[in-house]
Amino acid sequence: MTATEYQHVIEELERLVCETRHTLARFEATGMHEKMPDDYTRLHEIYAKAISDQRIYTLAMLNL
């Protein structure tokens, strides 16, 4: 991958992180985290995976 391609992936992952964080906040604000705990857990898993992938791609880009 080129640096530009890495940067694009990193930016898309950042969008996913922000959107997921926003959705988590909405879940908490509306009490949905109590009514839908499985979905809430899955959102946390998506968030953690996106953060992890973002780190991996960032490190890979820095090693070009």
PDB file of N, CA and C in Angstrom:
ATOM      1  N   MET A   1       0.843  -1.185   0.000  1.00  0.00           N
ATOM      2  CA  MET A   1       0.000   0.000   0.000  1.00  0.00           C
ATOM      3  C   MET A   1       0.888   1.248   0.000  1.00  0.00           C
ATOM      4  N   THR A   2       0.357   2.293  -0.591  1.00  0.00           N
ATOM      5  CA  THR A   2       1.065   3.563  -0.583  1.00  0.00           C
ATOM      6  C   THR A   2       0.674   4.348   0.666  1.00  0.00           C
ATOM      7  N   ALA A   3       1.430   5.378   0.950  1.00  0.00           N
ATOM      8  CA  ALA A   3       1.118   6.236   2.097  1.00  0.00           C
ATOM      9  C   ALA A   3      -0.269   6.852   1.955  1.00  0.00           C
ATOM     10  N   THR A   4      -0.633   7.203   0.753  1.00  0.00           N
ATOM     11  CA  THR A   4      -1.957   7.782   0.499  1.00  0.00           C
ATOM     12  C   THR A   4      -3.057   6.770   0.800  1.00  0.00           C
ATOM     13  N   GLU A   5      -2.858   5.531   0.402  1.00  0.00           N
ATOM     14  CA  GLU A   5      -3.847   4.487   0.666  1.00  0.00           C
ATOM     15  C   GLU A   5      -3.971   4.217   2.165  1.00  0.00           C
ATOM     16  N   TYR A   6      -2.826   4.162   2.846  1.00  0.00           N
ATOM     17  CA  TYR A   6      -2.862   3.998   4.300  1.00  0.00           C
ATOM     18  C   TYR A   6      -3.629   5.140   4.948  1.00  0.00           C
ATOM     19  N   GLN A   7      -3.345   6.356   4.512  1.00  0.00           N
ATOM     20  CA  GLN A   7      -3.999   7.529   5.080  1.00  0.00           C
ATOM     21  C   GLN A   7      -5.509   7.465   4.870  1.00  0.00           C
ATOM     22  N   HIS A   8      -5.916   7.015   3.705  1.00  0.00           N
ATOM     23  CA  HIS A   8      -7.355   6.899   3.416  1.00  0.00           C
ATOM     24  C   HIS A   8      -8.012   5.893   4.369  1.00  0.00           C
ATOM     25  N   VAL A   9      -7.388   4.743   4.560  1.00  0.00           N
ATOM     26  CA  VAL A   9      -7.938   3.728   5.461  1.00  0.00           C
ATOM     27  C   VAL A   9      -8.003   4.275   6.885  1.00  0.00           C
ATOM     28  N   ILE A  10      -6.961   4.946   7.317  1.00  0.00           N
ATOM     29  CA  ILE A  10      -6.913   5.518   8.667  1.00  0.00           C
ATOM     30  C   ILE A  10      -8.041   6.538   8.858  1.00  0.00           C
ATOM     31  N   GLU A  11      -8.271   7.365   7.858  1.00  0.00           N
ATOM     32  CA  GLU A  11      -9.340   8.366   7.936  1.00  0.00           C
ATOM     33  C   GLU A  11     -10.723   7.705   7.973  1.00  0.00           C
ATOM     34  N   GLU A  12     -10.919   6.653   7.201  1.00  0.00           N
ATOM     35  CA  GLU A  12     -12.202   5.936   7.230  1.00  0.00           C
ATOM     36  C   GLU A  12     -12.418   5.280   8.592  1.00  0.00           C
ATOM     37  N   LEU A  13     -11.368   4.724   9.153  1.00  0.00           N
ATOM     38  CA  LEU A  13     -11.485   4.139  10.488  1.00  0.00           C
ATOM     39  C   LEU A  13     -11.793   5.212  11.522  1.00  0.00           C
ATOM     40  N   GLU A  14     -11.232   6.398  11.358  1.00  0.00           N
ATOM     41  CA  GLU A  14     -11.525   7.496  12.285  1.00  0.00           C
ATOM     42  C   GLU A  14     -13.002   7.883  12.215  1.00  0.00           C
ATOM     43  N   ARG A  15     -13.553   7.888  11.000  1.00  0.00           N
ATOM     44  CA  ARG A  15     -14.989   8.171  10.851  1.00  0.00           C
ATOM     45  C   ARG A  15     -15.818   7.113  11.584  1.00  0.00           C
ATOM     46  N   LEU A  16     -15.425   5.854  11.432  1.00  0.00           N
ATOM     47  CA  LEU A  16     -16.130   4.771  12.107  1.00  0.00           C
ATOM     48  C   LEU A  16     -16.038   4.919  13.622  1.00  0.00           C
ATOM     49  N   VAL A  17     -14.862   5.275  14.124  1.00  0.00           N
ATOM     50  CA  VAL A  17     -14.669   5.482  15.561  1.00  0.00           C
ATOM     51  C   VAL A  17     -15.589   6.587  16.057  1.00  0.00           C
ATOM     52  N   CYS A  18     -15.613   7.701  15.361  1.00  0.00           N
ATOM     53  CA  CYS A  18     -16.449   8.834  15.779  1.00  0.00           C
ATOM     54  C   CYS A  18     -17.936   8.494  15.731  1.00  0.00           C
ATOM     55  N   GLU A  19     -18.372   7.837  14.664  1.00  0.00           N
ATOM     56  CA  GLU A  19     -19.779   7.474  14.543  1.00  0.00           C
ATOM     57  C   GLU A  19     -20.181   6.470  15.618  1.00  0.00           C
ATOM     58  N   THR A  20     -19.309   5.520  15.899  1.00  0.00           N
ATOM     59  CA  THR A  20     -19.613   4.517  16.918  1.00  0.00           C
ATOM     60  C   THR A  20     -19.647   5.154  18.300  1.00  0.00           C
ATOM     61  N   ARG A  21     -18.716   6.047  18.568  1.00  0.00           N
ATOM     62  CA  ARG A  21     -18.703   6.753  19.845  1.00  0.00           C
ATOM     63  C   ARG A  21     -19.994   7.553  20.027  1.00  0.00           C
ATOM     64  N   HIS A  22     -20.447   8.186  18.957  1.00  0.00           N
ATOM     65  CA  HIS A  22     -21.695   8.952  18.992  1.00  0.00           C
ATOM     66  C   HIS A  22     -22.885   8.027  19.262  1.00  0.00           C
ATOM     67  N   THR A  23     -22.908   6.886  18.604  1.00  0.00           N
ATOM     68  CA  THR A  23     -24.000   5.929  18.803  1.00  0.00           C
ATOM     69  C   THR A  23     -23.987   5.386  20.225  1.00  0.00           C
ATOM     70  N   LEU A  24     -22.812   5.101  20.755  1.00  0.00           N
ATOM     71  CA  LEU A  24     -22.704   4.649  22.145  1.00  0.00           C
ATOM     72  C   LEU A  24     -23.278   5.699  23.094  1.00  0.00           C
ATOM     73  N   ALA A  25     -22.945   6.945  22.856  1.00  0.00           N
ATOM     74  CA  ALA A  25     -23.451   8.026  23.714  1.00  0.00           C
ATOM     75  C   ALA A  25     -24.976   8.110  23.635  1.00  0.00           C
ATOM     76  N   ARG A  26     -25.523   7.929  22.432  1.00  0.00           N
ATOM     77  CA  ARG A  26     -26.987   7.946  22.277  1.00  0.00           C
ATOM     78  C   ARG A  26     -27.619   6.761  23.005  1.00  0.00           C
ATOM     79  N   PHE A  27     -26.992   5.601  22.909  1.00  0.00           N
ATOM     80  CA  PHE A  27     -27.489   4.428  23.635  1.00  0.00           C
ATOM     81  C   PHE A  27     -27.564   4.734  25.123  1.00  0.00           C
ATOM     82  N   GLU A  28     -26.500   5.308  25.655  1.00  0.00           N
ATOM     83  CA  GLU A  28     -26.439   5.601  27.089  1.00  0.00           C
ATOM     84  C   GLU A  28     -27.448   6.671  27.480  1.00  0.00           C
ATOM     85  N   ALA A  29     -27.577   7.701  26.657  1.00  0.00           N
ATOM     86  CA  ALA A  29     -28.475   8.810  26.975  1.00  0.00           C
ATOM     87  C   ALA A  29     -29.943   8.396  26.973  1.00  0.00           C
ATOM     88  N   THR A  30     -30.279   7.403  26.184  1.00  0.00           N
ATOM     89  CA  THR A  30     -31.672   6.993  26.063  1.00  0.00           C
ATOM     90  C   THR A  30     -31.997   5.718  26.846  1.00  0.00           C
ATOM     91  N   GLY A  31     -31.001   5.178  27.529  1.00  0.00           N
ATOM     92  CA  GLY A  31     -31.227   3.968  28.311  1.00  0.00           C
ATOM     93  C   GLY A  31     -31.261   2.691  27.489  1.00  0.00           C
ATOM     94  N   MET A  32     -30.917   2.798  26.219  1.00  0.00           N
ATOM     95  CA  MET A  32     -30.940   1.620  25.357  1.00  0.00           C
ATOM     96  C   MET A  32     -29.870   0.609  25.746  1.00  0.00           C
ATOM     97  N   HIS A  33     -28.818   1.076  26.393  1.00  0.00           N
ATOM     98  CA  HIS A  33     -27.758   0.143  26.802  1.00  0.00           C
ATOM     99  C   HIS A  33     -28.284  -0.882  27.806  1.00  0.00           C
ATOM    100  N   GLU A  34     -29.345  -0.523  28.530  1.00  0.00           N
ATOM    101  CA  GLU A  34     -29.967  -1.457  29.469  1.00  0.00           C
ATOM    102  C   GLU A  34     -30.998  -2.348  28.786  1.00  0.00           C
ATOM    103  N   LYS A  35     -31.672  -1.800  27.791  1.00  0.00           N
ATOM    104  CA  LYS A  35     -32.714  -2.553  27.093  1.00  0.00           C
ATOM    105  C   LYS A  35     -32.146  -3.459  25.999  1.00  0.00           C
ATOM    106  N   MET A  36     -30.992  -3.086  25.476  1.00  0.00           N
ATOM    107  CA  MET A  36     -30.369  -3.839  24.383  1.00  0.00           C
ATOM    108  C   MET A  36     -28.896  -4.090  24.702  1.00  0.00           C
ATOM    109  N   PRO A  37     -28.607  -4.819  25.743  1.00  0.00           N
ATOM    110  CA  PRO A  37     -27.211  -4.989  26.158  1.00  0.00           C
ATOM    111  C   PRO A  37     -26.341  -5.707  25.130  1.00  0.00           C
ATOM    112  N   ASP A  38     -26.908  -6.637  24.369  1.00  0.00           N
ATOM    113  CA  ASP A  38     -26.113  -7.330  23.352  1.00  0.00           C
ATOM    114  C   ASP A  38     -25.667  -6.372  22.244  1.00  0.00           C
ATOM    115  N   ASP A  39     -26.575  -5.510  21.828  1.00  0.00           N
ATOM    116  CA  ASP A  39     -26.231  -4.521  20.805  1.00  0.00           C
ATOM    117  C   ASP A  39     -25.213  -3.526  21.343  1.00  0.00           C
ATOM    118  N   TYR A  40     -25.366  -3.144  22.577  1.00  0.00           N
ATOM    119  CA  TYR A  40     -24.435  -2.210  23.209  1.00  0.00           C
ATOM    120  C   TYR A  40     -23.036  -2.833  23.286  1.00  0.00           C
ATOM    121  N   THR A  41     -22.975  -4.092  23.657  1.00  0.00           N
ATOM    122  CA  THR A  41     -21.688  -4.802  23.701  1.00  0.00           C
ATOM    123  C   THR A  41     -21.077  -4.883  22.316  1.00  0.00           C
ATOM    124  N   ARG A  42     -21.887  -5.152  21.321  1.00  0.00           N
ATOM    125  CA  ARG A  42     -21.385  -5.236  19.944  1.00  0.00           C
ATOM    126  C   ARG A  42     -20.829  -3.887  19.484  1.00  0.00           C
ATOM    127  N   LEU A  43     -21.479  -2.807  19.857  1.00  0.00           N
ATOM    128  CA  LEU A  43     -20.951  -1.476  19.523  1.00  0.00           C
ATOM    129  C   LEU A  43     -19.571  -1.269  20.143  1.00  0.00           C
ATOM    130  N   HIS A  44     -19.408  -1.700  21.380  1.00  0.00           N
ATOM    131  CA  HIS A  44     -18.102  -1.601  22.030  1.00  0.00           C
ATOM    132  C   HIS A  44     -17.055  -2.443  21.294  1.00  0.00           C
ATOM    133  N   GLU A  45     -17.456  -3.600  20.815  1.00  0.00           N
ATOM    134  CA  GLU A  45     -16.539  -4.457  20.061  1.00  0.00           C
ATOM    135  C   GLU A  45     -16.125  -3.800  18.746  1.00  0.00           C
ATOM    136  N   ILE A  46     -17.080  -3.193  18.062  1.00  0.00           N
ATOM    137  CA  ILE A  46     -16.787  -2.478  16.814  1.00  0.00           C
ATOM    138  C   ILE A  46     -15.824  -1.332  17.087  1.00  0.00           C
ATOM    139  N   TYR A  47     -16.087  -0.591  18.142  1.00  0.00           N
ATOM    140  CA  TYR A  47     -15.227   0.544  18.519  1.00  0.00           C
ATOM    141  C   TYR A  47     -13.805   0.064  18.800  1.00  0.00           C
ATOM    142  N   ALA A  48     -13.664  -0.977  19.610  1.00  0.00           N
ATOM    143  CA  ALA A  48     -12.336  -1.483  19.972  1.00  0.00           C
ATOM    144  C   ALA A  48     -11.593  -2.006  18.746  1.00  0.00           C
ATOM    145  N   LYS A  49     -12.294  -2.697  17.854  1.00  0.00           N
ATOM    146  CA  LYS A  49     -11.663  -3.226  16.640  1.00  0.00           C
ATOM    147  C   LYS A  49     -11.205  -2.094  15.733  1.00  0.00           C
ATOM    148  N   ALA A  50     -12.007  -1.072  15.591  1.00  0.00           N
ATOM    149  CA  ALA A  50     -11.628   0.068  14.740  1.00  0.00           C
ATOM    150  C   ALA A  50     -10.410   0.777  15.303  1.00  0.00           C
ATOM    151  N   ILE A  51     -10.348   0.953  16.611  1.00  0.00           N
ATOM    152  CA  ILE A  51      -9.187   1.589  17.242  1.00  0.00           C
ATOM    153  C   ILE A  51      -7.939   0.733  17.019  1.00  0.00           C
ATOM    154  N   SER A  52      -8.081  -0.566  17.211  1.00  0.00           N
ATOM    155  CA  SER A  52      -6.963  -1.487  17.017  1.00  0.00           C
ATOM    156  C   SER A  52      -6.474  -1.468  15.567  1.00  0.00           C
ATOM    157  N   ASP A  53      -7.406  -1.542  14.623  1.00  0.00           N
ATOM    158  CA  ASP A  53      -7.029  -1.514  13.207  1.00  0.00           C
ATOM    159  C   ASP A  53      -6.382  -0.191  12.828  1.00  0.00           C
ATOM    160  N   GLN A  54      -6.899   0.886  13.376  1.00  0.00           N
ATOM    161  CA  GLN A  54      -6.333   2.199  13.091  1.00  0.00           C
ATOM    162  C   GLN A  54      -4.873   2.268  13.548  1.00  0.00           C
ATOM    163  N   ARG A  55      -4.607   1.718  14.702  1.00  0.00           N
ATOM    164  CA  ARG A  55      -3.233   1.683  15.222  1.00  0.00           C
ATOM    165  C   ARG A  55      -2.334   0.852  14.305  1.00  0.00           C
ATOM    166  N   ILE A  56      -2.825  -0.302  13.880  1.00  0.00           N
ATOM    167  CA  ILE A  56      -2.045  -1.182  12.999  1.00  0.00           C
ATOM    168  C   ILE A  56      -1.708  -0.479  11.692  1.00  0.00           C
ATOM    169  N   TYR A  57      -2.682   0.167  11.083  1.00  0.00           N
ATOM    170  CA  TYR A  57      -2.442   0.864   9.818  1.00  0.00           C
ATOM    171  C   TYR A  57      -1.527   2.067  10.003  1.00  0.00           C
ATOM    172  N   THR A  58      -1.666   2.756  11.107  1.00  0.00           N
ATOM    173  CA  THR A  58      -0.787   3.899  11.373  1.00  0.00           C
ATOM    174  C   THR A  58       0.662   3.443  11.510  1.00  0.00           C
ATOM    175  N   LEU A  59       0.883   2.395  12.277  1.00  0.00           N
ATOM    176  CA  LEU A  59       2.237   1.867  12.440  1.00  0.00           C
ATOM    177  C   LEU A  59       2.801   1.374  11.119  1.00  0.00           C
ATOM    178  N   ALA A  60       1.973   0.709  10.320  1.00  0.00           N
ATOM    179  CA  ALA A  60       2.427   0.225   9.019  1.00  0.00           C
ATOM    180  C   ALA A  60       2.814   1.391   8.105  1.00  0.00           C
ATOM    181  N   MET A  61       2.028   2.456   8.132  1.00  0.00           N
ATOM    182  CA  MET A  61       2.328   3.626   7.317  1.00  0.00           C
ATOM    183  C   MET A  61       3.637   4.272   7.759  1.00  0.00           C
ATOM    184  N   LEU A  62       3.861   4.327   9.056  1.00  0.00           N
ATOM    185  CA  LEU A  62       5.081   4.946   9.569  1.00  0.00           C
ATOM    186  C   LEU A  62       6.327   4.131   9.223  1.00  0.00           C
ATOM    187  N   ASN A  63       6.138   2.843   8.937  1.00  0.00           N
ATOM    188  CA  ASN A  63       7.266   1.978   8.599  1.00  0.00           C
ATOM    189  C   ASN A  63       7.560   1.909   7.111  1.00  0.00           C
ATOM    190  N   LEU A  64       6.875   2.727   6.316  1.00  0.00           N
ATOM    191  CA  LEU A  64       7.130   2.738   4.858  1.00  0.00           C
ATOM    192  C   LEU A  64       8.531   3.210   4.545  1.00  0.00           C
TER     193      LEU A  64
END
